[in-house]
């Protein structure tokens, strides 16, 4: 079996989803507020890294080190054209009520409903994960290879805690030592 470092990002997320599904996790699809997107792009900032840092801070209010991941994209399968930047991802649910708190944290991280910015139409979607199989991860990665001038090449973020847990899971199922 391959070493952890040789796995594709798709497979690492697939393993993370399998692991998190053993408990419960909240999925989310959040639009980045157009004003925040415009500001970050105009400043030449890495939008994914900015959202990563903002989301980590927001999720730490729920629980420091909360296991989470997301993919950022700006492409519409429906219109086959660029669209508002948005994140697809998930975070581990530890307690009742965490699902809504996770979606709200992701909304704030994306600049929705803060600092006088109203929540934009259709900005927040999400549900507790129920889909089995690879379809969910395929959905997450559907446009990560598509060029977008607003985004850097790297489109995936995984929290250190979920990377560590998923790596341990891989080592356990393959019988490989770290």
Protein backbone atom coordinates (compact mmCIF):
# COMPACT_ATOMS: atom_id res chain seq x y z
CA UNK A 1 0.00 0.00 0.00
CA UNK A 2 1.26 3.52 -0.71
CA UNK A 3 2.63 5.77 1.98
CA UNK A 4 0.36 8.55 3.29
CA UNK A 5 2.42 11.21 1.48
CA UNK A 6 1.78 9.45 -1.85
CA UNK A 7 -2.02 9.55 -1.58
CA UNK A 8 -3.99 12.01 -3.70
CA UNK A 9 -5.85 14.85 -2.02
CA UNK A 10 -9.11 13.26 -3.20
CA UNK A 11 -8.27 10.02 -1.37
CA UNK A 12 -7.20 11.87 1.77
CA UNK A 13 -10.55 13.67 1.88
CA UNK A 14 -12.38 10.41 1.12
CA UNK A 15 -10.66 8.83 4.13
CA UNK A 16 -11.46 11.88 6.28
CA UNK A 17 -15.14 11.61 5.30
CA UNK A 18 -15.16 7.89 6.13
CA UNK A 19 -13.60 8.61 9.50
CA UNK A 20 -15.85 11.56 10.37
CA UNK A 21 -18.92 9.59 9.28
CA UNK A 22 -18.21 7.14 12.10
CA UNK A 23 -19.42 9.92 14.38
CA UNK A 24 -21.36 12.74 12.80
CA UNK A 25 -20.40 15.74 10.73
CA UNK A 26 -22.01 18.83 9.33
CA UNK A 27 -21.53 19.68 5.67
CA UNK A 28 -21.66 23.24 4.39
CA UNK A 29 -21.71 25.16 1.13
CA UNK A 30 -21.09 28.84 1.83
CA UNK A 31 -20.76 31.76 -0.59
CA UNK A 32 -17.95 34.16 0.15
CA UNK A 33 -19.44 37.63 0.49
CA UNK A 34 -18.81 39.56 -2.77
CA UNK A 35 -17.29 42.51 -0.88
CA UNK A 36 -14.84 40.25 0.97
CA UNK A 37 -14.02 38.40 -2.26
CA UNK A 38 -13.41 41.69 -4.12
CA UNK A 39 -11.22 43.05 -1.31
CA UNK A 40 -9.06 39.92 -1.05
CA UNK A 41 -8.67 39.56 -4.82
CA UNK A 42 -7.84 43.28 -5.28
CA UNK A 43 -5.16 42.98 -2.59
CA UNK A 44 -3.69 39.89 -4.27
CA UNK A 45 -4.32 37.78 -1.18
CA UNK A 46 -4.71 33.99 -1.22
CA UNK A 47 -8.48 33.73 -0.69
CA UNK A 48 -8.31 30.08 0.44
CA UNK A 49 -5.68 30.87 3.08
CA UNK A 50 -7.67 33.88 4.31
CA UNK A 51 -10.87 31.82 4.62
CA UNK A 52 -8.87 29.00 6.26
CA UNK A 53 -7.59 31.32 8.97
CA UNK A 54 -10.97 32.97 9.48
CA UNK A 55 -12.76 29.60 9.67
CA UNK A 56 -10.23 28.18 12.13
CA UNK A 57 -10.82 31.19 14.40
CA UNK A 58 -14.61 30.91 14.13
CA UNK A 59 -14.67 27.14 14.74
CA UNK A 60 -12.36 27.50 17.77
CA UNK A 61 -15.29 29.16 19.56
CA UNK A 62 -17.16 25.85 19.24
CA UNK A 63 -14.10 23.76 20.15
CA UNK A 64 -10.40 24.48 19.66
CA UNK A 65 -8.93 22.17 17.02
CA UNK A 66 -12.35 21.20 15.65
CA UNK A 67 -11.84 18.73 12.80
CA UNK A 68 -12.84 20.29 9.48
CA UNK A 69 -12.03 20.55 5.80
CA UNK A 70 -13.14 22.55 2.80
CA UNK A 71 -12.54 23.04 -0.90
CA UNK A 72 -12.86 26.50 -2.48
CA UNK A 73 -14.11 27.05 -6.01
CA UNK A 74 -15.67 29.63 -8.26
CA UNK A 75 -17.25 27.66 -11.08
CA UNK A 76 -20.89 26.86 -11.80
CA UNK A 77 -21.75 23.48 -13.28
CA UNK A 78 -25.17 24.89 -14.16
CA UNK A 79 -24.01 27.91 -16.19
CA UNK A 80 -20.59 26.49 -17.12
CA UNK A 81 -19.07 29.84 -16.17
CA UNK A 82 -17.29 31.54 -13.28
CA UNK A 83 -19.49 32.33 -10.30
CA UNK A 84 -19.16 33.72 -6.80
CA UNK A 85 -16.38 32.05 -4.84
CA UNK A 86 -17.72 29.50 -2.38
CA UNK A 87 -16.53 26.77 -0.06
CA UNK A 88 -17.78 23.19 0.25
CA UNK A 89 -16.75 21.30 3.34
CA UNK A 90 -17.60 19.79 6.67
CA UNK A 91 -16.80 19.78 10.36
CA UNK A 92 -17.21 17.22 13.12
CA UNK A 93 -20.31 17.49 15.31
CA UNK A 94 -19.47 17.00 18.99
CA UNK A 95 -22.69 18.07 20.68
CA UNK A 96 -26.36 18.79 19.91
CA UNK A 97 -26.70 22.14 18.17
CA UNK A 98 -23.18 22.04 16.71
CA UNK A 99 -24.51 21.68 13.15
CA UNK A 100 -26.08 25.14 13.06
CA UNK A 101 -23.15 26.62 14.97
CA UNK A 102 -20.75 25.19 12.36
CA UNK A 103 -22.74 26.62 9.44
CA UNK A 104 -22.95 30.00 11.18
CA UNK A 105 -19.20 29.97 11.86
CA UNK A 106 -18.53 29.22 8.19
CA UNK A 107 -20.87 32.08 7.23
CA UNK A 108 -18.94 34.54 9.41
CA UNK A 109 -15.62 33.26 8.06
CA UNK A 110 -16.92 33.94 4.54
CA UNK A 111 -17.85 37.51 5.51
CA UNK A 112 -21.60 36.91 5.50
CA UNK A 113 -23.64 38.93 8.00
CA UNK A 114 -20.69 40.68 9.68
CA UNK A 115 -19.37 44.25 9.73
CA UNK A 116 -22.49 45.63 8.12
CA UNK A 117 -22.40 43.17 5.22
CA UNK A 118 -25.86 41.65 4.85
CA UNK A 119 -26.20 37.95 4.15
CA UNK A 120 -26.40 37.47 0.39
CA UNK A 121 -29.10 35.41 -1.29
CA UNK A 122 -28.52 31.64 -1.15
CA UNK A 123 -25.33 32.12 0.87
CA UNK A 124 -25.69 29.17 3.24
CA UNK A 125 -26.52 25.54 2.62
CA UNK A 126 -25.65 22.47 4.59
CA UNK A 127 -26.89 19.30 6.17
CA UNK A 128 -25.66 16.62 8.47
CA UNK A 129 -23.72 14.17 6.31
CA UNK A 130 -25.74 11.15 5.21
CA UNK A 131 -24.40 10.21 1.78
CA UNK A 132 -22.18 7.19 1.60
CA UNK A 133 -19.73 6.37 -1.15
CA UNK A 134 -17.43 8.54 -3.21
CA UNK A 135 -20.10 10.85 -4.69
CA UNK A 136 -19.76 13.49 -1.99
CA UNK A 137 -15.99 13.80 -2.39
CA UNK A 138 -16.38 13.80 -6.19
CA UNK A 139 -18.78 16.73 -5.74
CA UNK A 140 -16.24 18.58 -3.58
CA UNK A 141 -13.48 18.17 -6.16
CA UNK A 142 -15.54 18.73 -9.30
CA UNK A 143 -13.86 22.02 -10.25
CA UNK A 144 -10.58 22.17 -8.32
CA UNK A 145 -8.47 21.76 -11.46
CA UNK A 146 -10.31 24.48 -13.37
CA UNK A 147 -8.27 27.67 -13.70
CA UNK A 148 -9.59 30.68 -11.81
CA UNK A 149 -7.64 33.96 -11.73
CA UNK A 150 -9.07 34.69 -8.26
CA UNK A 151 -7.63 31.54 -6.71
CA UNK A 152 -4.25 29.98 -6.14
CA UNK A 153 -3.63 26.45 -7.39
CA UNK A 154 -4.18 24.91 -3.94
CA UNK A 155 -7.91 24.63 -3.26
CA UNK A 156 -8.15 22.20 -0.31
CA UNK A 157 -7.84 22.96 3.38
CA UNK A 158 -7.87 20.27 6.08
CA UNK A 159 -7.42 21.08 9.75
CA UNK A 160 -4.31 19.66 11.38
CA UNK A 161 -6.51 17.56 13.68
CA UNK A 162 -8.33 15.83 10.80
CA UNK A 163 -5.08 15.33 8.86
CA UNK A 164 -3.50 13.67 11.90
CA UNK A 165 -6.55 11.49 12.60
CA UNK A 166 -6.91 10.52 8.94
CA UNK A 167 -3.20 9.67 8.63
CA UNK A 168 -3.48 7.46 11.73
CA UNK A 169 -6.60 5.85 10.21
CA UNK A 170 -4.68 5.14 6.97
CA UNK A 171 -1.81 3.60 8.92
CA UNK A 172 -4.26 1.48 10.90
CA UNK A 173 -6.12 0.11 7.88
CA UNK A 174 -2.93 -0.52 5.88
CA UNK A 175 -0.94 -1.95 8.77
CA UNK A 176 1.76 0.60 8.01
CA UNK A 177 3.66 2.33 10.78
CA UNK A 178 4.11 6.09 10.59
